[in-house]
Amino acid sequence: MRNHWIVDLNFEEDDNRTTCTASLSGFSAPGVRGIGIARRNPDDSPDSTIGEELAAARACSNLAHELVDKAAGGIENRTHQQAHLIF
């Protein structure tokens, strides 16, 4: 069996903050998403690239944790025992 999921990153920015939402699309992709936020230090000059990179990294990390939690829930529903997944 082969499957293919695509990670979609969507950004919202204002003067001091970049927010990224990471979601999955594709056949049988689980309905989870990750959120990441990067805040600019008021003493720093604006640089949207840095904000997007940091917010995206945080959103992908959050998405990964959400996927592990979803997998743990699936294991627990099948085994009726607490899952002990290491991430």
PDB file of N, CA and C in Angstrom:
ATOM      1  N   MET A   1       0.840  -1.183   0.000  1.00  0.00           N
ATOM      2  CA  MET A   1       0.000   0.000   0.000  1.00  0.00           C
ATOM      3  C   MET A   1       0.884   1.244   0.000  1.00  0.00           C
ATOM      4  N   ARG A   2       0.524   2.181  -0.835  1.00  0.00           N
ATOM      5  CA  ARG A   2       1.208   3.474  -0.864  1.00  0.00           C
ATOM      6  C   ARG A   2       0.202   4.557  -0.525  1.00  0.00           C
ATOM      7  N   ASN A   3       0.697   5.571   0.115  1.00  0.00           N
ATOM      8  CA  ASN A   3      -0.137   6.716   0.432  1.00  0.00           C
ATOM      9  C   ASN A   3       0.716   7.960   0.271  1.00  0.00           C
ATOM     10  N   HIS A   4       0.085   9.103   0.118  1.00  0.00           N
ATOM     11  CA  HIS A   4       0.819  10.346  -0.077  1.00  0.00           C
ATOM     12  C   HIS A   4       0.063  11.472   0.616  1.00  0.00           C
ATOM     13  N   TRP A   5       0.723  12.111   1.545  1.00  0.00           N
ATOM     14  CA  TRP A   5       0.149  13.270   2.223  1.00  0.00           C
ATOM     15  C   TRP A   5       0.986  14.489   1.869  1.00  0.00           C
ATOM     16  N   ILE A   6       0.349  15.615   1.821  1.00  0.00           N
ATOM     17  CA  ILE A   6       1.019  16.882   1.555  1.00  0.00           C
ATOM     18  C   ILE A   6       0.853  17.778   2.775  1.00  0.00           C
ATOM     19  N   VAL A   7       1.941  18.387   3.201  1.00  0.00           N
ATOM     20  CA  VAL A   7       1.894  19.347   4.308  1.00  0.00           C
ATOM     21  C   VAL A   7       1.661  20.726   3.712  1.00  0.00           C
ATOM     22  N   ASP A   8       0.587  21.352   4.122  1.00  0.00           N
ATOM     23  CA  ASP A   8       0.259  22.712   3.690  1.00  0.00           C
ATOM     24  C   ASP A   8       0.608  23.677   4.812  1.00  0.00           C
ATOM     25  N   LEU A   9       1.358  24.723   4.472  1.00  0.00           N
ATOM     26  CA  LEU A   9       1.716  25.756   5.445  1.00  0.00           C
ATOM     27  C   LEU A   9       1.066  27.063   5.015  1.00  0.00           C
ATOM     28  N   ASN A  10       0.269  27.625   5.906  1.00  0.00           N
ATOM     29  CA  ASN A  10      -0.402  28.892   5.633  1.00  0.00           C
ATOM     30  C   ASN A  10       0.018  29.909   6.682  1.00  0.00           C
ATOM     31  N   PHE A  11       0.322  31.120   6.223  1.00  0.00           N
ATOM     32  CA  PHE A  11       0.871  32.150   7.099  1.00  0.00           C
ATOM     33  C   PHE A  11      -0.060  33.349   7.202  1.00  0.00           C
ATOM     34  N   GLU A  12      -0.072  33.928   8.390  1.00  0.00           N
ATOM     35  CA  GLU A  12      -0.707  35.217   8.639  1.00  0.00           C
ATOM     36  C   GLU A  12       0.317  36.062   9.365  1.00  0.00           C
ATOM     37  N   GLU A  13       0.479  37.306   8.920  1.00  0.00           N
ATOM     38  CA  GLU A  13       1.500  38.161   9.505  1.00  0.00           C
ATOM     39  C   GLU A  13       0.937  39.534   9.821  1.00  0.00           C
ATOM     40  N   ASP A  14       1.450  40.124  10.897  1.00  0.00           N
ATOM     41  CA  ASP A  14       1.240  41.534  11.160  1.00  0.00           C
ATOM     42  C   ASP A  14       2.607  42.137  11.457  1.00  0.00           C
ATOM     43  N   ASP A  15       2.665  43.307  12.005  1.00  0.00           N
ATOM     44  CA  ASP A  15       3.952  43.978  12.216  1.00  0.00           C
ATOM     45  C   ASP A  15       4.879  43.248  13.185  1.00  0.00           C
ATOM     46  N   ASN A  16       4.312  42.522  14.146  1.00  0.00           N
ATOM     47  CA  ASN A  16       5.133  41.938  15.203  1.00  0.00           C
ATOM     48  C   ASN A  16       5.018  40.429  15.344  1.00  0.00           C
ATOM     49  N   ARG A  17       4.153  39.801  14.561  1.00  0.00           N
ATOM     50  CA  ARG A  17       3.907  38.383  14.779  1.00  0.00           C
ATOM     51  C   ARG A  17       3.606  37.678  13.471  1.00  0.00           C
ATOM     52  N   THR A  18       4.118  36.452  13.353  1.00  0.00           N
ATOM     53  CA  THR A  18       3.805  35.570  12.225  1.00  0.00           C
ATOM     54  C   THR A  18       3.193  34.300  12.789  1.00  0.00           C
ATOM     55  N   THR A  19       2.053  33.918  12.261  1.00  0.00           N
ATOM     56  CA  THR A  19       1.384  32.688  12.666  1.00  0.00           C
ATOM     57  C   THR A  19       1.346  31.752  11.468  1.00  0.00           C
ATOM     58  N   CYS A  20       1.682  30.493  11.715  1.00  0.00           N
ATOM     59  CA  CYS A  20       1.657  29.483  10.660  1.00  0.00           C
ATOM     60  C   CYS A  20       0.739  28.347  11.100  1.00  0.00           C
ATOM     61  N   THR A  21      -0.087  27.894  10.173  1.00  0.00           N
ATOM     62  CA  THR A  21      -0.912  26.710  10.398  1.00  0.00           C
ATOM     63  C   THR A  21      -0.419  25.627   9.441  1.00  0.00           C
ATOM     64  N   ALA A  22      -0.057  24.478   9.997  1.00  0.00           N
ATOM     65  CA  ALA A  22       0.395  23.331   9.214  1.00  0.00           C
ATOM     66  C   ALA A  22      -0.725  22.296   9.215  1.00  0.00           C
ATOM     67  N   SER A  23      -1.142  21.882   8.032  1.00  0.00           N
ATOM     68  CA  SER A  23      -2.188  20.874   7.927  1.00  0.00           C
ATOM     69  C   SER A  23      -1.804  19.860   6.860  1.00  0.00           C
ATOM     70  N   LEU A  24      -2.476  18.731   6.908  1.00  0.00           N
ATOM     71  CA  LEU A  24      -2.207  17.646   5.962  1.00  0.00           C
ATOM     72  C   LEU A  24      -3.359  17.511   4.990  1.00  0.00           C
ATOM     73  N   SER A  25      -3.022  17.241   3.736  1.00  0.00           N
ATOM     74  CA  SER A  25      -4.048  16.924   2.748  1.00  0.00           C
ATOM     75  C   SER A  25      -3.608  15.668   2.010  1.00  0.00           C
ATOM     76  N   GLY A  26      -4.562  15.007   1.434  1.00  0.00           N
ATOM     77  CA  GLY A  26      -4.276  13.769   0.718  1.00  0.00           C
ATOM     78  C   GLY A  26      -5.227  12.675   1.167  1.00  0.00           C
ATOM     79  N   PHE A  27      -5.246  11.595   0.384  1.00  0.00           N
ATOM     80  CA  PHE A  27      -6.129  10.480   0.690  1.00  0.00           C
ATOM     81  C   PHE A  27      -5.845   9.946   2.092  1.00  0.00           C
ATOM     82  N   SER A  28      -6.847   9.860   2.889  1.00  0.00           N
ATOM     83  CA  SER A  28      -6.822   9.343   4.269  1.00  0.00           C
ATOM     84  C   SER A  28      -5.925  10.144   5.209  1.00  0.00           C
ATOM     85  N   ALA A  29      -5.595  11.381   4.858  1.00  0.00           N
ATOM     86  CA  ALA A  29      -4.803  12.214   5.776  1.00  0.00           C
ATOM     87  C   ALA A  29      -5.635  12.501   7.019  1.00  0.00           C
ATOM     88  N   PRO A  30      -5.036  12.340   8.195  1.00  0.00           N
ATOM     89  CA  PRO A  30      -5.794  12.594   9.414  1.00  0.00           C
ATOM     90  C   PRO A  30      -6.108  14.084   9.553  1.00  0.00           C
ATOM     91  N   GLY A  31      -7.197  14.373  10.181  1.00  0.00           N
ATOM     92  CA  GLY A  31      -7.623  15.757  10.354  1.00  0.00           C
ATOM     93  C   GLY A  31      -6.957  16.424  11.537  1.00  0.00           C
ATOM     94  N   VAL A  32      -5.664  16.575  11.478  1.00  0.00           N
ATOM     95  CA  VAL A  32      -4.945  17.273  12.540  1.00  0.00           C
ATOM     96  C   VAL A  32      -4.226  18.472  11.931  1.00  0.00           C
ATOM     97  N   ARG A  33      -3.927  19.434  12.777  1.00  0.00           N
ATOM     98  CA  ARG A  33      -3.166  20.593  12.323  1.00  0.00           C
ATOM     99  C   ARG A  33      -2.281  21.075  13.441  1.00  0.00           C
ATOM    100  N   GLY A  34      -1.261  21.792  13.060  1.00  0.00           N
ATOM    101  CA  GLY A  34      -0.329  22.364  14.017  1.00  0.00           C
ATOM    102  C   GLY A  34      -0.300  23.879  13.863  1.00  0.00           C
ATOM    103  N   ILE A  35      -0.068  24.543  14.965  1.00  0.00           N
ATOM    104  CA  ILE A  35       0.004  26.002  14.975  1.00  0.00           C
ATOM    105  C   ILE A  35       1.377  26.407  15.494  1.00  0.00           C
ATOM    106  N   GLY A  36       1.982  27.379  14.842  1.00  0.00           N
ATOM    107  CA  GLY A  36       3.262  27.928  15.289  1.00  0.00           C
ATOM    108  C   GLY A  36       3.237  29.442  15.206  1.00  0.00           C
ATOM    109  N   ILE A  37       3.821  30.077  16.199  1.00  0.00           N
ATOM    110  CA  ILE A  37       3.835  31.540  16.263  1.00  0.00           C
ATOM    111  C   ILE A  37       5.267  32.014  16.479  1.00  0.00           C
ATOM    112  N   ALA A  38       5.638  33.048  15.740  1.00  0.00           N
ATOM    113  CA  ALA A  38       6.929  33.714  15.939  1.00  0.00           C
ATOM    114  C   ALA A  38       6.641  35.185  16.223  1.00  0.00           C
ATOM    115  N   ARG A  39       7.247  35.699  17.274  1.00  0.00           N
ATOM    116  CA  ARG A  39       7.081  37.109  17.623  1.00  0.00           C
ATOM    117  C   ARG A  39       8.396  37.836  17.411  1.00  0.00           C
ATOM    118  N   ARG A  40       8.306  39.010  16.833  1.00  0.00           N
ATOM    119  CA  ARG A  40       9.495  39.823  16.588  1.00  0.00           C
ATOM    120  C   ARG A  40       9.801  40.660  17.814  1.00  0.00           C
ATOM    121  N   ASN A  41      11.061  40.662  18.207  1.00  0.00           N
ATOM    122  CA  ASN A  41      11.519  41.544  19.272  1.00  0.00           C
ATOM    123  C   ASN A  41      11.383  42.980  18.769  1.00  0.00           C
ATOM    124  N   PRO A  42      10.785  43.872  19.543  1.00  0.00           N
ATOM    125  CA  PRO A  42      10.597  45.252  19.079  1.00  0.00           C
ATOM    126  C   PRO A  42      11.905  45.952  18.706  1.00  0.00           C
ATOM    127  N   ASP A  43      13.027  45.496  19.229  1.00  0.00           N
ATOM    128  CA  ASP A  43      14.321  46.099  18.906  1.00  0.00           C
ATOM    129  C   ASP A  43      14.884  45.611  17.566  1.00  0.00           C
ATOM    130  N   ASP A  44      14.312  44.533  17.008  1.00  0.00           N
ATOM    131  CA  ASP A  44      14.801  43.971  15.746  1.00  0.00           C
ATOM    132  C   ASP A  44      14.082  44.610  14.561  1.00  0.00           C
ATOM    133  N   SER A  45      14.783  44.678  13.451  1.00  0.00           N
ATOM    134  CA  SER A  45      14.144  45.177  12.235  1.00  0.00           C
ATOM    135  C   SER A  45      13.260  44.077  11.657  1.00  0.00           C
ATOM    136  N   PRO A  46      12.162  44.439  10.996  1.00  0.00           N
ATOM    137  CA  PRO A  46      11.259  43.427  10.441  1.00  0.00           C
ATOM    138  C   PRO A  46      11.954  42.573   9.377  1.00  0.00           C
ATOM    139  N   ASP A  47      11.711  41.266   9.429  1.00  0.00           N
ATOM    140  CA  ASP A  47      12.217  40.329   8.421  1.00  0.00           C
ATOM    141  C   ASP A  47      11.215  39.188   8.336  1.00  0.00           C
ATOM    142  N   SER A  48      10.336  39.242   7.351  1.00  0.00           N
ATOM    143  CA  SER A  48       9.263  38.254   7.260  1.00  0.00           C
ATOM    144  C   SER A  48       9.796  36.843   7.039  1.00  0.00           C
ATOM    145  N   THR A  49      10.955  36.714   6.385  1.00  0.00           N
ATOM    146  CA  THR A  49      11.512  35.385   6.123  1.00  0.00           C
ATOM    147  C   THR A  49      11.834  34.662   7.423  1.00  0.00           C
ATOM    148  N   ILE A  50      12.480  35.354   8.347  1.00  0.00           N
ATOM    149  CA  ILE A  50      12.840  34.735   9.623  1.00  0.00           C
ATOM    150  C   ILE A  50      11.581  34.363  10.396  1.00  0.00           C
ATOM    151  N   GLY A  51      10.607  35.248  10.428  1.00  0.00           N
ATOM    152  CA  GLY A  51       9.358  34.953  11.126  1.00  0.00           C
ATOM    153  C   GLY A  51       8.645  33.748  10.536  1.00  0.00           C
ATOM    154  N   GLU A  52       8.621  33.669   9.208  1.00  0.00           N
ATOM    155  CA  GLU A  52       7.966  32.528   8.564  1.00  0.00           C
ATOM    156  C   GLU A  52       8.711  31.224   8.848  1.00  0.00           C
ATOM    157  N   GLU A  53      10.036  31.260   8.793  1.00  0.00           N
ATOM    158  CA  GLU A  53      10.809  30.039   9.064  1.00  0.00           C
ATOM    159  C   GLU A  53      10.576  29.541  10.480  1.00  0.00           C
ATOM    160  N   LEU A  54      10.614  30.440  11.437  1.00  0.00           N
ATOM    161  CA  LEU A  54      10.431  30.032  12.834  1.00  0.00           C
ATOM    162  C   LEU A  54       9.001  29.576  13.088  1.00  0.00           C
ATOM    163  N   ALA A  55       8.023  30.317  12.586  1.00  0.00           N
ATOM    164  CA  ALA A  55       6.624  29.923  12.771  1.00  0.00           C
ATOM    165  C   ALA A  55       6.345  28.583  12.089  1.00  0.00           C
ATOM    166  N   ALA A  56       6.913  28.358  10.897  1.00  0.00           N
ATOM    167  CA  ALA A  56       6.716  27.087  10.193  1.00  0.00           C
ATOM    168  C   ALA A  56       7.335  25.927  10.966  1.00  0.00           C
ATOM    169  N   ALA A  57       8.536  26.131  11.496  1.00  0.00           N
ATOM    170  CA  ALA A  57       9.182  25.071  12.277  1.00  0.00           C
ATOM    171  C   ALA A  57       8.341  24.714  13.496  1.00  0.00           C
ATOM    172  N   ARG A  58       7.818  25.725  14.155  1.00  0.00           N
ATOM    173  CA  ARG A  58       6.986  25.475  15.343  1.00  0.00           C
ATOM    174  C   ARG A  58       5.671  24.810  14.957  1.00  0.00           C
ATOM    175  N   ALA A  59       5.072  25.204  13.844  1.00  0.00           N
ATOM    176  CA  ALA A  59       3.827  24.585  13.397  1.00  0.00           C
ATOM    177  C   ALA A  59       4.046  23.120  13.021  1.00  0.00           C
ATOM    178  N   CYS A  60       5.138  22.824  12.339  1.00  0.00           N
ATOM    179  CA  CYS A  60       5.441  21.434  11.963  1.00  0.00           C
ATOM    180  C   CYS A  60       5.719  20.581  13.193  1.00  0.00           C
ATOM    181  N   SER A  61       6.402  21.143  14.172  1.00  0.00           N
ATOM    182  CA  SER A  61       6.656  20.428  15.420  1.00  0.00           C
ATOM    183  C   SER A  61       5.335  20.126  16.136  1.00  0.00           C
ATOM    184  N   ASN A  62       4.465  21.127  16.186  1.00  0.00           N
ATOM    185  CA  ASN A  62       3.158  20.931  16.816  1.00  0.00           C
ATOM    186  C   ASN A  62       2.337  19.901  16.047  1.00  0.00           C
ATOM    187  N   LEU A  63       2.401  19.945  14.710  1.00  0.00           N
ATOM    188  CA  LEU A  63       1.706  18.958  13.886  1.00  0.00           C
ATOM    189  C   LEU A  63       2.217  17.551  14.189  1.00  0.00           C
ATOM    190  N   ALA A  64       3.521  17.390  14.323  1.00  0.00           N
ATOM    191  CA  ALA A  64       4.100  16.082  14.639  1.00  0.00           C
ATOM    192  C   ALA A  64       3.574  15.562  15.974  1.00  0.00           C
ATOM    193  N   HIS A  65       3.509  16.429  16.966  1.00  0.00           N
ATOM    194  CA  HIS A  65       2.988  16.013  18.275  1.00  0.00           C
ATOM    195  C   HIS A  65       1.511  15.632  18.180  1.00  0.00           C
ATOM    196  N   GLU A  66       0.753  16.374  17.389  1.00  0.00           N
ATOM    197  CA  GLU A  66      -0.662  16.044  17.206  1.00  0.00           C
ATOM    198  C   GLU A  66      -0.815  14.685  16.529  1.00  0.00           C
ATOM    199  N   LEU A  67       0.041  14.379  15.560  1.00  0.00           N
ATOM    200  CA  LEU A  67      -0.011  13.073  14.888  1.00  0.00           C
ATOM    201  C   LEU A  67       0.315  11.937  15.857  1.00  0.00           C
ATOM    202  N   VAL A  68       1.311  12.143  16.709  1.00  0.00           N
ATOM    203  CA  VAL A  68       1.652  11.123  17.703  1.00  0.00           C
ATOM    204  C   VAL A  68       0.476  10.918  18.667  1.00  0.00           C
ATOM    205  N   ASP A  69      -0.141  12.010  19.108  1.00  0.00           N
ATOM    206  CA  ASP A  69      -1.299  11.891  20.001  1.00  0.00           C
ATOM    207  C   ASP A  69      -2.446  11.149  19.321  1.00  0.00           C
ATOM    208  N   LYS A  70      -2.670  11.429  18.034  1.00  0.00           N
ATOM    209  CA  LYS A  70      -3.734  10.733  17.305  1.00  0.00           C
ATOM    210  C   LYS A  70      -3.421   9.243  17.176  1.00  0.00           C
ATOM    211  N   ALA A  71      -2.169   8.919  16.887  1.00  0.00           N
ATOM    212  CA  ALA A  71      -1.767   7.508  16.797  1.00  0.00           C
ATOM    213  C   ALA A  71      -1.939   6.817  18.145  1.00  0.00           C
ATOM    214  N   ALA A  72      -1.563   7.488  19.213  1.00  0.00           N
ATOM    215  CA  ALA A  72      -1.720   6.913  20.552  1.00  0.00           C
ATOM    216  C   ALA A  72      -3.194   6.640  20.843  1.00  0.00           C
ATOM    217  N   GLY A  73      -4.052   7.573  20.449  1.00  0.00           N
ATOM    218  CA  GLY A  73      -5.484   7.355  20.645  1.00  0.00           C
ATOM    219  C   GLY A  73      -5.987   6.155  19.865  1.00  0.00           C
ATOM    220  N   GLY A  74      -5.499   5.970  18.639  1.00  0.00           N
ATOM    221  CA  GLY A  74      -5.878   4.804  17.842  1.00  0.00           C
ATOM    222  C   GLY A  74      -5.421   3.504  18.479  1.00  0.00           C
ATOM    223  N   ILE A  75      -4.208   3.507  19.015  1.00  0.00           N
ATOM    224  CA  ILE A  75      -3.690   2.311  19.705  1.00  0.00           C
ATOM    225  C   ILE A  75      -4.542   1.999  20.922  1.00  0.00           C
ATOM    226  N   GLU A  76      -4.845   3.022  21.690  1.00  0.00           N
ATOM    227  CA  GLU A  76      -5.629   2.823  22.915  1.00  0.00           C
ATOM    228  C   GLU A  76      -7.045   2.335  22.612  1.00  0.00           C
ATOM    229  N   ASN A  77      -7.639   2.820  21.516  1.00  0.00           N
ATOM    230  CA  ASN A  77      -8.979   2.350  21.140  1.00  0.00           C
ATOM    231  C   ASN A  77      -8.973   0.885  20.748  1.00  0.00           C
ATOM    232  N   ARG A  78      -7.891   0.419  20.154  1.00  0.00           N
ATOM    233  CA  ARG A  78      -7.815  -0.985  19.726  1.00  0.00           C
ATOM    234  C   ARG A  78      -7.401  -1.926  20.846  1.00  0.00           C
ATOM    235  N   THR A  79      -6.484  -1.462  21.694  1.00  0.00           N
ATOM    236  CA  THR A  79      -5.945  -2.360  22.724  1.00  0.00           C
ATOM    237  C   THR A  79      -6.625  -2.187  24.077  1.00  0.00           C
ATOM    238  N   HIS A  80      -7.327  -1.092  24.257  1.00  0.00           N
ATOM    239  CA  HIS A  80      -7.949  -0.753  25.539  1.00  0.00           C
ATOM    240  C   HIS A  80      -6.916  -0.641  26.650  1.00  0.00           C
ATOM    241  N   GLN A  81      -5.706  -0.251  26.268  1.00  0.00           N
ATOM    242  CA  GLN A  81      -4.618  -0.007  27.216  1.00  0.00           C
ATOM    243  C   GLN A  81      -3.950   1.307  26.848  1.00  0.00           C
ATOM    244  N   GLN A  82      -3.317   1.928  27.835  1.00  0.00           N
ATOM    245  CA  GLN A  82      -2.643   3.193  27.582  1.00  0.00           C
ATOM    246  C   GLN A  82      -1.442   2.957  26.672  1.00  0.00           C
ATOM    247  N   ALA A  83      -1.328   3.808  25.659  1.00  0.00           N
ATOM    248  CA  ALA A  83      -0.194   3.730  24.735  1.00  0.00           C
ATOM    249  C   ALA A  83       0.985   4.467  25.317  1.00  0.00           C
ATOM    250  N   HIS A  84       2.185   3.934  25.113  1.00  0.00           N
ATOM    251  CA  HIS A  84       3.402   4.558  25.596  1.00  0.00           C
ATOM    252  C   HIS A  84       4.315   4.818  24.391  1.00  0.00           C
ATOM    253  N   LEU A  85       4.025   5.915  23.685  1.00  0.00           N
ATOM    254  CA  LEU A  85       4.802   6.258  22.499  1.00  0.00           C
ATOM    255  C   LEU A  85       5.867   7.283  22.878  1.00  0.00           C
ATOM    256  N   ILE A  86       7.057   7.090  22.350  1.00  0.00           N
ATOM    257  CA  ILE A  86       8.158   8.013  22.604  1.00  0.00           C
ATOM    258  C   ILE A  86       8.322   8.883  21.373  1.00  0.00           C
ATOM    259  N   PHE A  87       8.423  10.177  21.597  1.00  0.00           N
ATOM    260  CA  PHE A  87       8.600  11.101  20.486  1.00  0.00           C
ATOM    261  C   PHE A  87       9.747  12.004  20.772  1.00  0.00           C
TER     262      PHE A  87
END
